[in-house]
Amino acid sequence: MTEDDKQKIRAQLEALKQEHRDLDEAIHHMPRTIHTQMQITRLKKRKLHLKDEIIKLENLLLPDILA
């Protein structure tokens, strides 16, 4: 992996982390009513998906210790 590839992954990783933080903030400030519960559930699922993507990218940047 070239340094340019690593830089692109780092930029993508930071964008995903920022979106994850933004969703967390939105969920925290969202009123808890029966009408917003479905929207909150969708946002939480998106957060989980983002976390999975973050972990995948972080693993790409870490050296393979077992190799």
N, C-alpha and C. Protein backbone atom coordinates (compact mmCIF):
# COMPACT_ATOMS: atom_id res chain seq x y z
N MET A 1 0.86 -1.17 0.00
CA MET A 1 0.00 0.00 0.00
C MET A 1 0.90 1.23 0.00
N THR A 2 0.62 2.14 -0.91
CA THR A 2 1.44 3.35 -1.01
C THR A 2 1.02 4.37 0.05
N GLU A 3 1.88 5.34 0.24
CA GLU A 3 1.58 6.40 1.21
C GLU A 3 0.35 7.20 0.78
N ASP A 4 0.17 7.35 -0.54
CA ASP A 4 -1.00 8.05 -1.06
C ASP A 4 -2.28 7.28 -0.73
N ASP A 5 -2.22 5.95 -0.86
CA ASP A 5 -3.37 5.10 -0.50
C ASP A 5 -3.71 5.25 0.98
N LYS A 6 -2.66 5.24 1.80
CA LYS A 6 -2.87 5.38 3.24
C LYS A 6 -3.50 6.73 3.58
N GLN A 7 -3.06 7.78 2.89
CA GLN A 7 -3.60 9.12 3.13
C GLN A 7 -5.08 9.18 2.76
N LYS A 8 -5.45 8.53 1.65
CA LYS A 8 -6.85 8.50 1.23
C LYS A 8 -7.70 7.75 2.26
N ILE A 9 -7.17 6.65 2.77
CA ILE A 9 -7.90 5.87 3.78
C ILE A 9 -8.06 6.69 5.05
N ARG A 10 -7.00 7.40 5.45
CA ARG A 10 -7.09 8.25 6.65
C ARG A 10 -8.15 9.34 6.49
N ALA A 11 -8.22 9.94 5.30
CA ALA A 11 -9.22 10.98 5.04
C ALA A 11 -10.63 10.39 5.09
N GLN A 12 -10.80 9.23 4.48
CA GLN A 12 -12.11 8.56 4.51
C GLN A 12 -12.47 8.17 5.94
N LEU A 13 -11.49 7.70 6.68
CA LEU A 13 -11.69 7.30 8.06
C LEU A 13 -12.15 8.50 8.90
N GLU A 14 -11.51 9.63 8.72
CA GLU A 14 -11.89 10.83 9.48
C GLU A 14 -13.30 11.28 9.12
N ALA A 15 -13.66 11.19 7.84
CA ALA A 15 -15.02 11.57 7.42
C ALA A 15 -16.05 10.64 8.06
N LEU A 16 -15.77 9.35 8.11
CA LEU A 16 -16.70 8.40 8.73
C LEU A 16 -16.82 8.65 10.23
N LYS A 17 -15.70 8.93 10.88
CA LYS A 17 -15.73 9.22 12.31
C LYS A 17 -16.54 10.48 12.60
N GLN A 18 -16.40 11.49 11.74
CA GLN A 18 -17.15 12.73 11.93
C GLN A 18 -18.65 12.47 11.75
N GLU A 19 -19.01 11.69 10.73
CA GLU A 19 -20.43 11.37 10.53
C GLU A 19 -20.97 10.58 11.72
N HIS A 20 -20.17 9.68 12.27
CA HIS A 20 -20.57 8.89 13.43
C HIS A 20 -20.83 9.81 14.62
N ARG A 21 -19.93 10.77 14.84
CA ARG A 21 -20.12 11.73 15.94
C ARG A 21 -21.36 12.60 15.72
N ASP A 22 -21.57 13.02 14.48
CA ASP A 22 -22.74 13.84 14.16
C ASP A 22 -24.04 13.08 14.41
N LEU A 23 -24.07 11.81 14.03
CA LEU A 23 -25.26 10.99 14.28
C LEU A 23 -25.50 10.82 15.77
N ASP A 24 -24.44 10.60 16.50
CA ASP A 24 -24.55 10.45 17.95
C ASP A 24 -25.16 11.71 18.57
N GLU A 25 -24.69 12.85 18.12
CA GLU A 25 -25.21 14.13 18.63
C GLU A 25 -26.68 14.31 18.24
N ALA A 26 -27.03 13.97 17.01
CA ALA A 26 -28.41 14.10 16.55
C ALA A 26 -29.34 13.19 17.35
N ILE A 27 -28.91 11.97 17.59
CA ILE A 27 -29.72 11.02 18.37
C ILE A 27 -29.90 11.54 19.79
N HIS A 28 -28.83 12.07 20.36
CA HIS A 28 -28.87 12.56 21.74
C HIS A 28 -29.87 13.71 21.89
N HIS A 29 -29.95 14.58 20.88
CA HIS A 29 -30.82 15.76 20.98
C HIS A 29 -32.22 15.55 20.42
N MET A 30 -32.47 14.38 19.88
CA MET A 30 -33.77 14.12 19.28
C MET A 30 -34.80 13.84 20.39
N PRO A 31 -35.96 14.45 20.27
CA PRO A 31 -36.99 14.19 21.29
C PRO A 31 -37.42 12.72 21.26
N ARG A 32 -37.72 12.19 22.41
CA ARG A 32 -38.09 10.78 22.53
C ARG A 32 -39.62 10.65 22.52
N THR A 33 -40.15 10.58 21.33
CA THR A 33 -41.59 10.38 21.18
C THR A 33 -41.81 9.13 20.33
N ILE A 34 -43.01 8.68 20.32
CA ILE A 34 -43.37 7.50 19.53
C ILE A 34 -43.12 7.76 18.04
N HIS A 35 -43.26 9.01 17.62
CA HIS A 35 -43.10 9.36 16.20
C HIS A 35 -41.64 9.37 15.77
N THR A 36 -40.73 9.66 16.68
CA THR A 36 -39.32 9.72 16.31
C THR A 36 -38.58 8.42 16.59
N GLN A 37 -39.22 7.47 17.23
CA GLN A 37 -38.54 6.22 17.59
C GLN A 37 -38.03 5.47 16.36
N MET A 38 -38.81 5.44 15.29
CA MET A 38 -38.38 4.75 14.08
C MET A 38 -37.17 5.46 13.46
N GLN A 39 -37.20 6.78 13.47
CA GLN A 39 -36.09 7.55 12.94
C GLN A 39 -34.82 7.33 13.78
N ILE A 40 -34.99 7.29 15.09
CA ILE A 40 -33.85 7.03 15.98
C ILE A 40 -33.26 5.64 15.70
N THR A 41 -34.12 4.67 15.48
CA THR A 41 -33.66 3.32 15.17
C THR A 41 -32.86 3.30 13.87
N ARG A 42 -33.32 4.01 12.86
CA ARG A 42 -32.58 4.08 11.59
C ARG A 42 -31.22 4.74 11.78
N LEU A 43 -31.19 5.81 12.57
CA LEU A 43 -29.92 6.50 12.82
C LEU A 43 -28.94 5.61 13.57
N LYS A 44 -29.45 4.84 14.52
CA LYS A 44 -28.59 3.93 15.27
C LYS A 44 -28.04 2.82 14.38
N LYS A 45 -28.85 2.33 13.45
CA LYS A 45 -28.37 1.32 12.51
C LYS A 45 -27.29 1.90 11.61
N ARG A 46 -27.48 3.15 11.20
CA ARG A 46 -26.46 3.82 10.37
C ARG A 46 -25.16 3.98 11.17
N LYS A 47 -25.27 4.31 12.46
CA LYS A 47 -24.09 4.43 13.31
C LYS A 47 -23.34 3.10 13.40
N LEU A 48 -24.08 2.00 13.54
CA LEU A 48 -23.44 0.69 13.60
C LEU A 48 -22.72 0.36 12.29
N HIS A 49 -23.36 0.70 11.18
CA HIS A 49 -22.74 0.47 9.88
C HIS A 49 -21.45 1.30 9.76
N LEU A 50 -21.51 2.55 10.18
CA LEU A 50 -20.32 3.40 10.14
C LEU A 50 -19.21 2.84 11.00
N LYS A 51 -19.56 2.35 12.18
CA LYS A 51 -18.55 1.78 13.08
C LYS A 51 -17.87 0.58 12.42
N ASP A 52 -18.64 -0.26 11.74
CA ASP A 52 -18.06 -1.40 11.02
C ASP A 52 -17.08 -0.92 9.94
N GLU A 53 -17.47 0.10 9.20
CA GLU A 53 -16.59 0.64 8.15
C GLU A 53 -15.33 1.25 8.76
N ILE A 54 -15.48 1.94 9.87
CA ILE A 54 -14.33 2.54 10.56
C ILE A 54 -13.34 1.45 10.97
N ILE A 55 -13.85 0.38 11.53
CA ILE A 55 -12.98 -0.72 11.97
C ILE A 55 -12.26 -1.34 10.78
N LYS A 56 -12.96 -1.54 9.66
CA LYS A 56 -12.33 -2.11 8.47
C LYS A 56 -11.18 -1.23 7.98
N LEU A 57 -11.42 0.09 7.95
CA LEU A 57 -10.38 0.99 7.48
C LEU A 57 -9.20 1.06 8.45
N GLU A 58 -9.50 1.06 9.73
CA GLU A 58 -8.43 1.07 10.72
C GLU A 58 -7.57 -0.19 10.60
N ASN A 59 -8.21 -1.32 10.34
CA ASN A 59 -7.47 -2.57 10.16
C ASN A 59 -6.58 -2.54 8.92
N LEU A 60 -6.99 -1.82 7.89
CA LEU A 60 -6.16 -1.68 6.70
C LEU A 60 -4.88 -0.90 7.01
N LEU A 61 -4.99 0.05 7.92
CA LEU A 61 -3.84 0.89 8.24
C LEU A 61 -2.88 0.25 9.23
N LEU A 62 -3.37 -0.73 10.00
CA LEU A 62 -2.51 -1.39 10.98
C LEU A 62 -1.68 -2.47 10.31
N PRO A 63 -0.41 -2.58 10.69
CA PRO A 63 0.39 -3.66 10.13
C PRO A 63 -0.11 -5.02 10.62
N ASP A 64 0.03 -6.02 9.80
CA ASP A 64 -0.42 -7.37 10.14
C ASP A 64 0.62 -8.00 11.06
N ILE A 65 0.37 -8.01 12.33
CA ILE A 65 1.31 -8.47 13.34
C ILE A 65 1.55 -9.98 13.23
N LEU A 66 0.52 -10.72 12.86
CA LEU A 66 0.63 -12.18 12.81
C LEU A 66 1.35 -12.69 11.56
N ALA A 67 1.56 -11.82 10.59
CA ALA A 67 2.18 -12.26 9.32
C ALA A 67 3.66 -12.51 9.49
